[in-house]
PDB file of N, CA and C in Angstrom:
ATOM      1  N   UNK A   1     254.180 194.094 128.668  1.00  0.00           N
ATOM      2  CA  UNK A   1     254.420 193.113 127.724  1.00  0.00           C
ATOM      3  C   UNK A   1     253.921 193.141 126.427  1.00  0.00           C
ATOM      4  N   UNK A   2     254.626 192.918 125.421  1.00  0.00           N
ATOM      5  CA  UNK A   2     254.041 193.080 123.962  1.00  0.00           C
ATOM      6  C   UNK A   2     253.017 191.983 123.771  1.00  0.00           C
ATOM      7  N   UNK A   3     251.841 192.601 123.142  1.00  0.00           N
ATOM      8  CA  UNK A   3     250.688 191.655 122.819  1.00  0.00           C
ATOM      9  C   UNK A   3     251.160 190.523 121.761  1.00  0.00           C
ATOM     10  N   UNK A   4     251.969 190.842 120.822  1.00  0.00           N
ATOM     11  CA  UNK A   4     252.429 190.015 119.773  1.00  0.00           C
ATOM     12  C   UNK A   4     253.125 188.771 120.160  1.00  0.00           C
ATOM     13  N   UNK A   5     253.942 188.964 121.177  1.00  0.00           N
ATOM     14  CA  UNK A   5     254.797 187.874 121.641  1.00  0.00           C
ATOM     15  C   UNK A   5     253.962 186.475 122.142  1.00  0.00           C
ATOM     16  N   UNK A   6     253.003 186.577 122.987  1.00  0.00           N
ATOM     17  CA  UNK A   6     252.207 185.580 123.189  1.00  0.00           C
ATOM     18  C   UNK A   6     251.614 184.982 122.005  1.00  0.00           C
ATOM     19  N   UNK A   7     251.003 185.802 121.271  1.00  0.00           N
ATOM     20  CA  UNK A   7     250.405 185.238 119.930  1.00  0.00           C
ATOM     21  C   UNK A   7     251.357 184.387 119.121  1.00  0.00           C
ATOM     22  N   UNK A   8     252.501 184.920 118.989  1.00  0.00           N
ATOM     23  CA  UNK A   8     253.574 184.350 118.320  1.00  0.00           C
ATOM     24  C   UNK A   8     254.095 183.053 118.912  1.00  0.00           C
ATOM     25  N   UNK A   9     254.151 183.009 120.163  1.00  0.00           N
ATOM     26  CA  UNK A   9     254.557 181.872 120.954  1.00  0.00           C
ATOM     27  C   UNK A   9     253.493 180.705 120.786  1.00  0.00           C
ATOM     28  N   UNK A  10     252.240 181.076 120.946  1.00  0.00           N
ATOM     29  CA  UNK A  10     251.099 180.184 120.815  1.00  0.00           C
ATOM     30  C   UNK A  10     251.015 179.411 119.288  1.00  0.00           C
ATOM     31  N   UNK A  11     251.307 180.322 118.372  1.00  0.00           N
ATOM     32  CA  UNK A  11     251.112 179.850 116.956  1.00  0.00           C
ATOM     33  C   UNK A  11     252.382 178.927 116.689  1.00  0.00           C
ATOM     34  N   UNK A  12     253.573 179.229 117.146  1.00  0.00           N
ATOM     35  CA  UNK A  12     254.609 178.307 116.916  1.00  0.00           C
ATOM     36  C   UNK A  12     254.504 177.146 117.838  1.00  0.00           C
ATOM     37  N   UNK A  13     253.908 177.132 118.861  1.00  0.00           N
ATOM     38  CA  UNK A  13     253.789 175.904 119.734  1.00  0.00           C
ATOM     39  C   UNK A  13     252.710 174.968 119.143  1.00  0.00           C
ATOM     40  N   UNK A  14     251.595 175.498 118.552  1.00  0.00           N
ATOM     41  CA  UNK A  14     250.586 174.658 117.942  1.00  0.00           C
ATOM     42  C   UNK A  14     251.123 174.060 116.593  1.00  0.00           C
ATOM     43  N   UNK A  15     252.027 174.873 115.946  1.00  0.00           N
ATOM     44  CA  UNK A  15     252.422 174.440 114.632  1.00  0.00           C
ATOM     45  C   UNK A  15     253.534 173.260 114.789  1.00  0.00           C
ATOM     46  N   UNK A  16     254.299 173.489 115.895  1.00  0.00           N
ATOM     47  CA  UNK A  16     255.317 172.366 116.026  1.00  0.00           C
ATOM     48  C   UNK A  16     255.455 172.017 117.509  1.00  0.00           C
ATOM     49  N   UNK A  17     254.557 171.149 118.152  1.00  0.00           N
ATOM     50  CA  UNK A  17     254.419 170.868 119.423  1.00  0.00           C
ATOM     51  C   UNK A  17     255.602 170.137 120.084  1.00  0.00           C
ATOM     52  N   UNK A  18     256.135 169.201 119.187  1.00  0.00           N
ATOM     53  CA  UNK A  18     257.278 168.359 119.774  1.00  0.00           C
ATOM     54  C   UNK A  18     258.557 169.276 119.858  1.00  0.00           C
ATOM     55  N   UNK A  19     258.798 169.982 118.908  1.00  0.00           N
ATOM     56  CA  UNK A  19     260.020 170.873 118.936  1.00  0.00           C
ATOM     57  C   UNK A  19     259.733 171.815 120.110  1.00  0.00           C
ATOM     58  N   UNK A  20     258.645 172.485 120.276  1.00  0.00           N
ATOM     59  CA  UNK A  20     258.447 173.432 121.382  1.00  0.00           C
ATOM     60  C   UNK A  20     258.585 172.810 122.741  1.00  0.00           C
ATOM     61  N   UNK A  21     257.999 171.536 122.711  1.00  0.00           N
ATOM     62  CA  UNK A  21     258.166 170.939 124.079  1.00  0.00           C
ATOM     63  C   UNK A  21     259.548 170.563 124.437  1.00  0.00           C
ATOM     64  N   UNK A  22     260.284 170.046 123.523  1.00  0.00           N
ATOM     65  CA  UNK A  22     261.705 169.890 123.716  1.00  0.00           C
ATOM     66  C   UNK A  22     262.553 171.051 124.211  1.00  0.00           C
ATOM     67  N   UNK A  23     262.169 172.138 123.497  1.00  0.00           N
ATOM     68  CA  UNK A  23     262.947 173.379 123.903  1.00  0.00           C
ATOM     69  C   UNK A  23     262.491 173.835 125.271  1.00  0.00           C
ATOM     70  N   UNK A  24     261.171 173.667 125.581  1.00  0.00           N
ATOM     71  CA  UNK A  24     260.809 174.194 126.929  1.00  0.00           C
ATOM     72  C   UNK A  24     261.414 173.243 127.920  1.00  0.00           C
ATOM     73  N   UNK A  25     261.537 171.896 127.649  1.00  0.00           N
ATOM     74  CA  UNK A  25     262.183 170.826 128.648  1.00  0.00           C
ATOM     75  C   UNK A  25     263.620 171.305 128.768  1.00  0.00           C
ATOM     76  N   UNK A  26     264.334 171.612 127.840  1.00  0.00           N
ATOM     77  CA  UNK A  26     265.760 172.104 127.796  1.00  0.00           C
ATOM     78  C   UNK A  26     265.972 173.363 128.625  1.00  0.00           C
ATOM     79  N   UNK A  27     265.022 174.415 128.243  1.00  0.00           N
ATOM     80  CA  UNK A  27     265.280 175.593 129.185  1.00  0.00           C
ATOM     81  C   UNK A  27     264.942 175.492 130.504  1.00  0.00           C
ATOM     82  N   UNK A  28     263.904 174.704 130.895  1.00  0.00           N
ATOM     83  CA  UNK A  28     263.550 174.393 132.334  1.00  0.00           C
ATOM     84  C   UNK A  28     264.784 173.592 132.932  1.00  0.00           C
ATOM     85  N   UNK A  29     265.410 172.721 132.357  1.00  0.00           N
ATOM     86  CA  UNK A  29     266.436 172.029 132.891  1.00  0.00           C
ATOM     87  C   UNK A  29     267.721 172.835 133.143  1.00  0.00           C
ATOM     88  N   UNK A  30     267.970 173.761 132.043  1.00  0.00           N
ATOM     89  CA  UNK A  30     269.019 174.684 132.255  1.00  0.00           C
ATOM     90  C   UNK A  30     268.787 175.569 133.366  1.00  0.00           C
ATOM     91  N   UNK A  31     267.630 176.104 133.451  1.00  0.00           N
ATOM     92  CA  UNK A  31     267.317 177.153 134.714  1.00  0.00           C
ATOM     93  C   UNK A  31     267.556 176.325 135.967  1.00  0.00           C
ATOM     94  N   UNK A  32     266.862 175.038 136.069  1.00  0.00           N
ATOM     95  CA  UNK A  32     267.113 174.453 137.390  1.00  0.00           C
ATOM     96  C   UNK A  32     268.512 174.012 137.850  1.00  0.00           C
ATOM     97  N   UNK A  33     269.151 173.559 136.675  1.00  0.00           N
ATOM     98  CA  UNK A  33     270.622 173.234 136.844  1.00  0.00           C
ATOM     99  C   UNK A  33     271.513 174.477 137.195  1.00  0.00           C
ATOM    100  N   UNK A  34     271.019 175.514 136.644  1.00  0.00           N
ATOM    101  CA  UNK A  34     271.790 176.789 136.913  1.00  0.00           C
ATOM    102  C   UNK A  34     271.729 177.293 138.421  1.00  0.00           C
ATOM    103  N   UNK A  35     270.395 177.429 138.839  1.00  0.00           N
ATOM    104  CA  UNK A  35     270.115 177.709 140.166  1.00  0.00           C
ATOM    105  C   UNK A  35     270.450 176.826 141.194  1.00  0.00           C
ATOM    106  N   UNK A  36     270.412 175.506 140.792  1.00  0.00           N
ATOM    107  CA  UNK A  36     270.626 174.508 141.988  1.00  0.00           C
ATOM    108  C   UNK A  36     272.147 173.963 141.822  1.00  0.00           C
ATOM    109  N   UNK A  37     273.115 174.570 141.285  1.00  0.00           N
ATOM    110  CA  UNK A  37     274.469 174.463 141.046  1.00  0.00           C
ATOM    111  C   UNK A  37     274.685 172.960 140.722  1.00  0.00           C
ATOM    112  N   UNK A  38     273.748 172.512 139.759  1.00  0.00           N
ATOM    113  CA  UNK A  38     273.855 171.155 139.115  1.00  0.00           C
ATOM    114  C   UNK A  38     274.412 171.441 137.737  1.00  0.00           C
ATOM    115  N   UNK A  39     275.720 171.423 137.411  1.00  0.00           N
ATOM    116  CA  UNK A  39     276.191 171.849 136.100  1.00  0.00           C
ATOM    117  C   UNK A  39     275.916 170.873 135.075  1.00  0.00           C
ATOM    118  N   UNK A  40     275.822 169.632 135.389  1.00  0.00           N
ATOM    119  CA  UNK A  40     275.497 168.571 134.473  1.00  0.00           C
ATOM    120  C   UNK A  40     274.120 168.743 133.988  1.00  0.00           C
ATOM    121  N   UNK A  41     273.183 169.035 134.818  1.00  0.00           N
ATOM    122  CA  UNK A  41     271.796 169.328 134.489  1.00  0.00           C
ATOM    123  C   UNK A  41     271.666 170.480 133.577  1.00  0.00           C
ATOM    124  N   UNK A  42     272.342 171.598 133.911  1.00  0.00           N
ATOM    125  CA  UNK A  42     272.656 172.885 133.137  1.00  0.00           C
ATOM    126  C   UNK A  42     272.920 172.483 131.785  1.00  0.00           C
ATOM    127  N   UNK A  43     274.062 171.747 131.612  1.00  0.00           N
ATOM    128  CA  UNK A  43     274.566 171.459 130.313  1.00  0.00           C
ATOM    129  C   UNK A  43     273.612 170.541 129.567  1.00  0.00           C
ATOM    130  N   UNK A  44     273.007 169.667 130.156  1.00  0.00           N
ATOM    131  CA  UNK A  44     271.944 168.831 129.579  1.00  0.00           C
ATOM    132  C   UNK A  44     270.896 169.702 128.961  1.00  0.00           C
ATOM    133  N   UNK A  45     270.416 170.721 129.715  1.00  0.00           N
ATOM    134  CA  UNK A  45     269.343 171.537 129.369  1.00  0.00           C
ATOM    135  C   UNK A  45     269.585 172.339 128.110  1.00  0.00           C
ATOM    136  N   UNK A  46     270.927 172.919 128.333  1.00  0.00           N
ATOM    137  CA  UNK A  46     271.318 173.722 127.123  1.00  0.00           C
ATOM    138  C   UNK A  46     271.513 172.844 125.836  1.00  0.00           C
ATOM    139  N   UNK A  47     272.236 171.705 126.128  1.00  0.00           N
ATOM    140  CA  UNK A  47     272.331 170.700 124.938  1.00  0.00           C
ATOM    141  C   UNK A  47     270.962 170.365 124.243  1.00  0.00           C
ATOM    142  N   UNK A  48     269.949 170.056 125.146  1.00  0.00           N
ATOM    143  CA  UNK A  48     268.727 169.681 124.526  1.00  0.00           C
ATOM    144  C   UNK A  48     267.988 170.814 123.848  1.00  0.00           C
ATOM    145  N   UNK A  49     267.982 172.010 124.312  1.00  0.00           N
ATOM    146  CA  UNK A  49     267.512 173.293 123.674  1.00  0.00           C
ATOM    147  C   UNK A  49     268.277 173.548 122.434  1.00  0.00           C
ATOM    148  N   UNK A  50     269.577 173.453 122.556  1.00  0.00           N
ATOM    149  CA  UNK A  50     270.506 173.758 121.336  1.00  0.00           C
ATOM    150  C   UNK A  50     270.224 172.813 120.288  1.00  0.00           C
ATOM    151  N   UNK A  51     270.247 171.580 120.596  1.00  0.00           N
ATOM    152  CA  UNK A  51     270.113 170.617 119.548  1.00  0.00           C
ATOM    153  C   UNK A  51     268.675 170.627 118.787  1.00  0.00           C
ATOM    154  N   UNK A  52     267.817 170.786 119.701  1.00  0.00           N
ATOM    155  CA  UNK A  52     266.187 170.995 119.158  1.00  0.00           C
ATOM    156  C   UNK A  52     266.203 172.339 118.179  1.00  0.00           C
ATOM    157  N   UNK A  53     266.765 173.358 118.565  1.00  0.00           N
ATOM    158  CA  UNK A  53     266.866 174.389 117.723  1.00  0.00           C
ATOM    159  C   UNK A  53     267.667 174.247 116.473  1.00  0.00           C
ATOM    160  N   UNK A  54     268.733 173.458 116.652  1.00  0.00           N
ATOM    161  CA  UNK A  54     269.640 173.275 115.377  1.00  0.00           C
ATOM    162  C   UNK A  54     268.729 172.317 114.404  1.00  0.00           C
ATOM    163  N   UNK A  55     267.995 171.265 115.102  1.00  0.00           N
ATOM    164  CA  UNK A  55     267.327 170.456 114.201  1.00  0.00           C
ATOM    165  C   UNK A  55     266.073 171.345 113.411  1.00  0.00           C
ATOM    166  N   UNK A  56     265.462 172.053 114.150  1.00  0.00           N
ATOM    167  CA  UNK A  56     264.368 172.815 113.673  1.00  0.00           C
ATOM    168  C   UNK A  56     264.990 173.635 112.553  1.00  0.00           C
ATOM    169  N   UNK A  57     266.088 174.450 112.652  1.00  0.00           N
ATOM    170  CA  UNK A  57     266.722 175.269 111.713  1.00  0.00           C
ATOM    171  C   UNK A  57     267.069 174.457 110.567  1.00  0.00           C
ATOM    172  N   UNK A  58     267.618 173.290 110.597  1.00  0.00           N
ATOM    173  CA  UNK A  58     268.115 172.440 109.557  1.00  0.00           C
ATOM    174  C   UNK A  58     266.795 171.996 108.818  1.00  0.00           C
ATOM    175  N   UNK A  59     265.786 171.568 109.402  1.00  0.00           N
ATOM    176  CA  UNK A  59     264.508 171.124 108.828  1.00  0.00           C
ATOM    177  C   UNK A  59     263.970 172.291 108.026  1.00  0.00           C
ATOM    178  N   UNK A  60     264.081 173.531 108.479  1.00  0.00           N
ATOM    179  CA  UNK A  60     263.442 174.596 107.934  1.00  0.00           C
ATOM    180  C   UNK A  60     264.243 175.105 106.656  1.00  0.00           C
ATOM    181  N   UNK A  61     265.609 174.951 106.728  1.00  0.00           N
ATOM    182  CA  UNK A  61     266.279 175.260 105.726  1.00  0.00           C
ATOM    183  C   UNK A  61     266.427 174.431 104.443  1.00  0.00           C
ATOM    184  N   UNK A  62     266.032 172.964 104.932  1.00  0.00           N
ATOM    185  CA  UNK A  62     266.075 171.956 103.863  1.00  0.00           C
ATOM    186  C   UNK A  62     265.012 171.965 102.966  1.00  0.00           C
ATOM    187  N   UNK A  63     263.743 172.524 103.475  1.00  0.00           N
ATOM    188  CA  UNK A  63     262.579 172.740 102.756  1.00  0.00           C
ATOM    189  C   UNK A  63     262.862 173.731 101.723  1.00  0.00           C
ATOM    190  N   UNK A  64     262.430 173.500 100.422  1.00  0.00           N
ATOM    191  CA  UNK A  64     262.510 174.714  99.304  1.00  0.00           C
ATOM    192  C   UNK A  64     261.029 175.023  99.293  1.00  0.00           C
ATOM    193  N   UNK A  65     260.962 176.443  99.314  1.00  0.00           N
ATOM    194  CA  UNK A  65     259.646 176.990  99.334  1.00  0.00           C
ATOM    195  C   UNK A  65     259.535 177.533  97.954  1.00  0.00           C
ATOM    196  N   UNK A  66     258.360 177.391  97.174  1.00  0.00           N
ATOM    197  CA  UNK A  66     258.099 178.074  95.895  1.00  0.00           C
ATOM    198  C   UNK A  66     257.877 179.333  96.066  1.00  0.00           C
ATOM    199  N   UNK A  67     258.260 179.994  94.979  1.00  0.00           N
ATOM    200  CA  UNK A  67     257.965 181.412  94.863  1.00  0.00           C
ATOM    201  C   UNK A  67     256.596 181.765  94.915  1.00  0.00           C
ATOM    202  N   UNK A  68     256.041 182.857  95.658  1.00  0.00           N
ATOM    203  CA  UNK A  68     254.656 183.040  95.573  1.00  0.00           C
ATOM    204  C   UNK A  68     254.226 183.656  94.207  1.00  0.00           C
ATOM    205  N   UNK A  69     253.145 183.214  93.727  1.00  0.00           N
ATOM    206  CA  UNK A  69     252.671 183.716  92.635  1.00  0.00           C
ATOM    207  C   UNK A  69     251.382 184.579  92.822  1.00  0.00           C
ATOM    208  N   UNK A  70     251.199 185.584  91.961  1.00  0.00           N
ATOM    209  CA  UNK A  70     249.984 186.374  92.201  1.00  0.00           C
ATOM    210  C   UNK A  70     248.801 185.628  91.909  1.00  0.00           C
ATOM    211  N   UNK A  71     247.909 185.479  92.826  1.00  0.00           N
ATOM    212  CA  UNK A  71     246.673 184.830  92.719  1.00  0.00           C
ATOM    213  C   UNK A  71     245.532 185.670  92.864  1.00  0.00           C
ATOM    214  N   UNK A  72     244.441 185.350  92.021  1.00  0.00           N
ATOM    215  CA  UNK A  72     243.295 186.220  92.107  1.00  0.00           C
ATOM    216  C   UNK A  72     242.657 185.919  93.301  1.00  0.00           C
ATOM    217  N   UNK A  73     242.203 187.031  94.129  1.00  0.00           N
ATOM    218  CA  UNK A  73     241.471 186.789  95.353  1.00  0.00           C
ATOM    219  C   UNK A  73     240.185 185.931  95.231  1.00  0.00           C
ATOM    220  N   UNK A  74     239.936 185.113  96.220  1.00  0.00           N
ATOM    221  CA  UNK A  74     238.722 184.286  96.164  1.00  0.00           C
ATOM    222  C   UNK A  74     237.622 184.830  96.939  1.00  0.00           C
ATOM    223  N   UNK A  75     236.480 184.943  96.279  1.00  0.00           N
ATOM    224  CA  UNK A  75     235.462 185.606  97.016  1.00  0.00           C
ATOM    225  C   UNK A  75     234.964 184.582  97.997  1.00  0.00           C
ATOM    226  N   UNK A  76     234.860 184.971  99.267  1.00  0.00           N
ATOM    227  CA  UNK A  76     234.367 184.175 100.454  1.00  0.00           C
ATOM    228  C   UNK A  76     233.076 184.597 100.969  1.00  0.00           C
ATOM    229  N   UNK A  77     232.082 183.685 100.844  1.00  0.00           N
ATOM    230  CA  UNK A  77     230.833 183.987 101.422  1.00  0.00           C
ATOM    231  C   UNK A  77     230.620 183.304 102.678  1.00  0.00           C
ATOM    232  N   UNK A  78     230.098 184.025 103.665  1.00  0.00           N
ATOM    233  CA  UNK A  78     229.864 183.471 104.990  1.00  0.00           C
ATOM    234  C   UNK A  78     228.442 182.810 104.993  1.00  0.00           C
ATOM    235  N   UNK A  79     227.606 183.472 104.162  1.00  0.00           N
ATOM    236  CA  UNK A  79     226.238 183.096 104.150  1.00  0.00           C
ATOM    237  C   UNK A  79     225.804 182.764 102.594  1.00  0.00           C
ATOM    238  N   UNK A  80     225.041 181.806 102.295  1.00  0.00           N
ATOM    239  CA  UNK A  80     224.655 181.517 100.984  1.00  0.00           C
ATOM    240  C   UNK A  80     223.805 182.929 100.382  1.00  0.00           C
ATOM    241  N   UNK A  81     223.970 183.003  99.133  1.00  0.00           N
ATOM    242  CA  UNK A  81     223.485 184.176  98.466  1.00  0.00           C
ATOM    243  C   UNK A  81     221.808 184.230  98.594  1.00  0.00           C
ATOM    244  N   UNK A  82     221.239 182.894  98.499  1.00  0.00           N
ATOM    245  CA  UNK A  82     219.880 182.752  98.792  1.00  0.00           C
ATOM    246  C   UNK A  82     219.577 181.663  99.636  1.00  0.00           C
ATOM    247  N   UNK A  83     218.646 181.839 100.595  1.00  0.00           N
ATOM    248  CA  UNK A  83     218.428 180.786 101.387  1.00  0.00           C
ATOM    249  C   UNK A  83     217.612 179.504 100.673  1.00  0.00           C
ATOM    250  N   UNK A  84     217.972 178.361 100.963  1.00  0.00           N
ATOM    251  CA  UNK A  84     217.438 177.196 100.198  1.00  0.00           C
ATOM    252  C   UNK A  84     216.105 176.676 100.895  1.00  0.00           C
ATOM    253  N   UNK A  85     215.901 177.254 102.165  1.00  0.00           N
ATOM    254  CA  UNK A  85     214.699 176.809 102.943  1.00  0.00           C
ATOM    255  C   UNK A  85     213.739 177.956 102.769  1.00  0.00           C
ATOM    256  N   UNK A  86     212.544 177.578 103.040  1.00  0.00           N
ATOM    257  CA  UNK A  86     211.367 178.381 102.984  1.00  0.00           C
ATOM    258  C   UNK A  86     211.496 179.391 104.272  1.00  0.00           C
ATOM    259  N   UNK A  87     210.806 180.583 104.312  1.00  0.00           N
ATOM    260  CA  UNK A  87     210.854 181.352 105.315  1.00  0.00           C
ATOM    261  C   UNK A  87     209.854 180.562 106.495  1.00  0.00           C
ATOM    262  N   UNK A  88     210.203 181.027 107.641  1.00  0.00           N
ATOM    263  CA  UNK A  88     209.306 180.392 108.733  1.00  0.00           C
ATOM    264  C   UNK A  88     208.030 181.342 108.868  1.00  0.00           C
ATOM    265  N   UNK A  89     207.011 180.437 109.374  1.00  0.00           N
ATOM    266  CA  UNK A  89     205.654 181.224 109.514  1.00  0.00           C
ATOM    267  C   UNK A  89     205.652 182.186 110.457  1.00  0.00           C
ATOM    268  N   UNK A  90     204.855 183.139 110.564  1.00  0.00           N
ATOM    269  CA  UNK A  90     204.601 184.012 111.525  1.00  0.00           C
ATOM    270  C   UNK A  90     203.744 183.622 112.568  1.00  0.00           C
ATOM    271  N   UNK A  91     204.346 183.633 113.865  1.00  0.00           N
ATOM    272  CA  UNK A  91     203.680 183.231 115.001  1.00  0.00           C
ATOM    273  C   UNK A  91     202.811 184.204 115.629  1.00  0.00           C
ATOM    274  N   UNK A  92     201.679 183.984 116.119  1.00  0.00           N
ATOM    275  CA  UNK A  92     200.669 184.819 116.791  1.00  0.00           C
ATOM    276  C   UNK A  92     200.714 184.341 118.293  1.00  0.00           C
ATOM    277  N   UNK A  93     200.738 185.377 119.091  1.00  0.00           N
ATOM    278  CA  UNK A  93     200.262 185.046 120.562  1.00  0.00           C
ATOM    279  C   UNK A  93     199.045 185.108 120.995  1.00  0.00           C
ATOM    280  N   UNK A  94     198.342 183.929 121.331  1.00  0.00           N
ATOM    281  CA  UNK A  94     196.866 183.844 121.656  1.00  0.00           C
ATOM    282  C   UNK A  94     196.796 184.200 123.049  1.00  0.00           C
ATOM    283  N   UNK A  95     195.943 185.068 123.347  1.00  0.00           N
ATOM    284  CA  UNK A  95     195.590 185.523 124.772  1.00  0.00           C
ATOM    285  C   UNK A  95     194.910 184.240 125.474  1.00  0.00           C
ATOM    286  N   UNK A  96     195.414 183.988 126.771  1.00  0.00           N
ATOM    287  CA  UNK A  96     194.880 182.951 127.517  1.00  0.00           C
ATOM    288  C   UNK A  96     193.891 183.666 128.498  1.00  0.00           C
ATOM    289  N   UNK A  97     192.842 182.851 128.778  1.00  0.00           N
ATOM    290  CA  UNK A  97     191.918 183.448 129.847  1.00  0.00           C
ATOM    291  C   UNK A  97     192.234 182.919 131.147  1.00  0.00           C
ATOM    292  N   UNK A  98     192.267 183.912 132.141  1.00  0.00           N
ATOM    293  CA  UNK A  98     192.831 183.481 133.555  1.00  0.00           C
ATOM    294  C   UNK A  98     191.876 182.393 134.064  1.00  0.00           C
ATOM    295  N   UNK A  99     192.453 181.548 134.857  1.00  0.00           N
ATOM    296  CA  UNK A  99     191.577 180.663 135.420  1.00  0.00           C
ATOM    297  C   UNK A  99     190.672 181.149 136.544  1.00  0.00           C
ATOM    298  N   UNK A 100     189.302 180.664 136.816  1.00  0.00           N
ATOM    299  CA  UNK A 100     188.486 181.254 137.733  1.00  0.00           C
ATOM    300  C   UNK A 100     188.656 180.517 138.998  1.00  0.00           C
TER     301      UNK A 100
END
């Protein structure tokens, strides 16, 4: 199985959970209806999945995306250049006398 497919599905599901949920419900209904000889459930499932995909396509096509402009890369620092706190003191281990 391709490694990129599960990642793509996870990112799409997290980005649009309602649309992905409706598509899942539609596909499951269509599969159950197809195997169970319930053609009304099969048609309902295909209709649900199809309308959801059409709605998603319509919503994506209606959004106008601005053209990407060249941007100067931003320097990302994970740690500050200098620590604002003082360094910790050195600890010494004192030897304990064994009990008699």
